[in-house]
Protein backbone atom coordinates (compact mmCIF):
# COMPACT_ATOMS: atom_id res chain seq x y z
CA MET A 1 -3.70 15.24 2.20
CA LYS A 2 -1.39 18.20 3.80
CA TYR A 3 -0.94 16.73 7.29
CA ILE A 4 0.49 13.21 4.93
CA PHE A 5 3.11 15.40 2.72
CA SER A 6 4.18 17.39 5.93
CA LEU A 7 4.38 14.12 8.15
CA LEU A 8 6.56 12.62 5.13
CA LEU A 9 8.58 15.72 4.97
CA SER A 10 9.50 15.92 8.43
CA LEU A 11 10.88 12.18 8.62
CA PHE A 12 12.42 12.95 5.75
CA ALA A 13 13.90 15.42 7.19
CA LEU A 14 14.64 13.94 10.50
CA CYS A 15 16.51 10.99 8.55
CA SER A 16 18.31 13.07 5.96
CA PHE A 17 20.20 15.75 9.18
CA SER A 18 20.31 13.16 11.86
CA THR A 19 24.02 12.34 12.53
CA ALA A 20 23.72 8.18 13.01
CA GLN A 21 22.81 6.26 10.47
CA ASP A 22 20.25 4.27 12.70
CA PHE A 23 16.95 5.96 10.75
CA HIS A 24 16.11 4.92 7.27
CA LEU A 25 13.02 6.21 5.64
CA TYR A 26 11.11 3.82 2.96
CA LEU A 27 8.89 4.38 0.31
CA THR A 28 6.92 1.63 -1.43
CA GLY A 29 4.46 1.19 -4.31
CA GLY A 30 2.38 -1.52 -6.25
CA VAL A 31 -1.04 -2.93 -7.62
CA ILE A 32 -3.34 -4.49 -5.21
CA ASN A 33 -5.69 -7.15 -7.14
CA TYR A 34 -8.53 -9.15 -6.05
CA GLN A 35 -7.89 -12.59 -6.15
CA GLY A 36 -11.47 -14.44 -5.65
CA ASP A 37 -14.21 -15.52 -7.23
CA LEU A 38 -15.32 -12.45 -8.56
CA GLN A 39 -12.95 -12.79 -11.38
CA ALA A 40 -12.48 -15.61 -13.49
CA LYS A 41 -8.74 -15.34 -13.39
CA ARG A 42 -6.30 -15.10 -10.69
CA PHE A 43 -3.96 -12.10 -11.76
CA THR A 44 -6.21 -9.37 -14.52
CA LEU A 45 -5.15 -5.47 -14.51
CA ASN A 46 -8.46 -4.57 -15.08
CA GLN A 47 -9.78 -4.19 -11.57
CA SER A 48 -6.41 -3.36 -10.52
CA HIS A 49 -5.75 -0.25 -7.87
CA PRO A 50 -2.69 1.45 -7.24
CA PHE A 51 -1.00 1.56 -3.76
CA ALA A 52 1.75 3.97 -1.67
CA GLY A 53 3.01 3.37 1.15
CA ALA A 54 5.87 4.77 3.69
CA GLY A 55 7.87 4.38 6.98
CA LEU A 56 10.54 4.85 8.87
CA TYR A 57 12.80 2.36 10.89
CA TYR A 58 15.33 2.61 13.85
CA GLU A 59 18.27 0.85 13.92
CA ALA A 60 18.47 -0.23 17.98
CA THR A 61 20.99 -2.90 17.33
CA ASP A 62 22.60 -5.20 14.63
CA LYS A 63 19.70 -7.16 15.11
CA LEU A 64 16.80 -5.21 16.30
CA TYR A 65 15.06 -2.90 14.19
CA PHE A 66 12.05 -0.75 15.15
CA ARG A 67 9.85 -0.18 12.51
CA LEU A 68 6.73 2.33 11.78
CA GLY A 69 4.84 2.68 8.45
CA PHE A 70 1.40 3.41 6.50
CA MET A 71 0.20 1.96 3.32
CA ILE A 72 -3.04 3.44 1.37
CA GLY A 73 -5.09 1.50 -1.28
CA LYS A 74 -8.14 0.47 -2.64
CA VAL A 75 -9.48 -3.32 -3.41
CA SER A 76 -12.49 -4.02 -5.20
CA SER A 77 -14.33 -6.18 -7.39
CA ASP A 78 -17.37 -6.41 -9.78
CA ASP A 79 -19.39 -9.19 -11.67
CA LYS A 80 -20.22 -7.08 -14.62
CA TYR A 81 -16.75 -7.28 -15.42
CA SER A 82 -16.84 -10.68 -15.26
CA LYS A 83 -17.63 -12.91 -18.15
CA LEU A 84 -18.88 -15.87 -15.79
CA ASN A 85 -21.25 -14.50 -13.30
CA GLN A 86 -22.95 -11.43 -14.58
CA ASP A 87 -26.14 -12.56 -13.40
CA ARG A 88 -25.26 -12.18 -9.56
CA ASN A 89 -24.09 -8.87 -9.67
CA LEU A 90 -21.68 -9.05 -6.75
CA ASN A 91 -19.19 -6.08 -5.85
CA PHE A 92 -17.43 -4.68 -3.16
CA LYS A 93 -15.26 -1.86 -2.24
CA ALA A 94 -12.54 -1.47 0.58
CA SER A 95 -9.91 1.43 0.83
């Protein structure tokens, strides 16, 4: 975690102190949700998990950008929370 924080801090410093506006830092976040046969509804918040991401892109020309970024999150689902198929006892987790 300290490595990720120091990397983000150095990327932010690189973007803030550069003389040109060629580098841009972006941050993103949201909710990850599984949409499959382990859930009765297509979207529900009872098995959702947060995700976060950050990155840097470089504006080489007006129409050419290079981007480097990462995202971290977890998606999972379990039949024990479903009202339809509790007897199957299926579940998964992916990070």
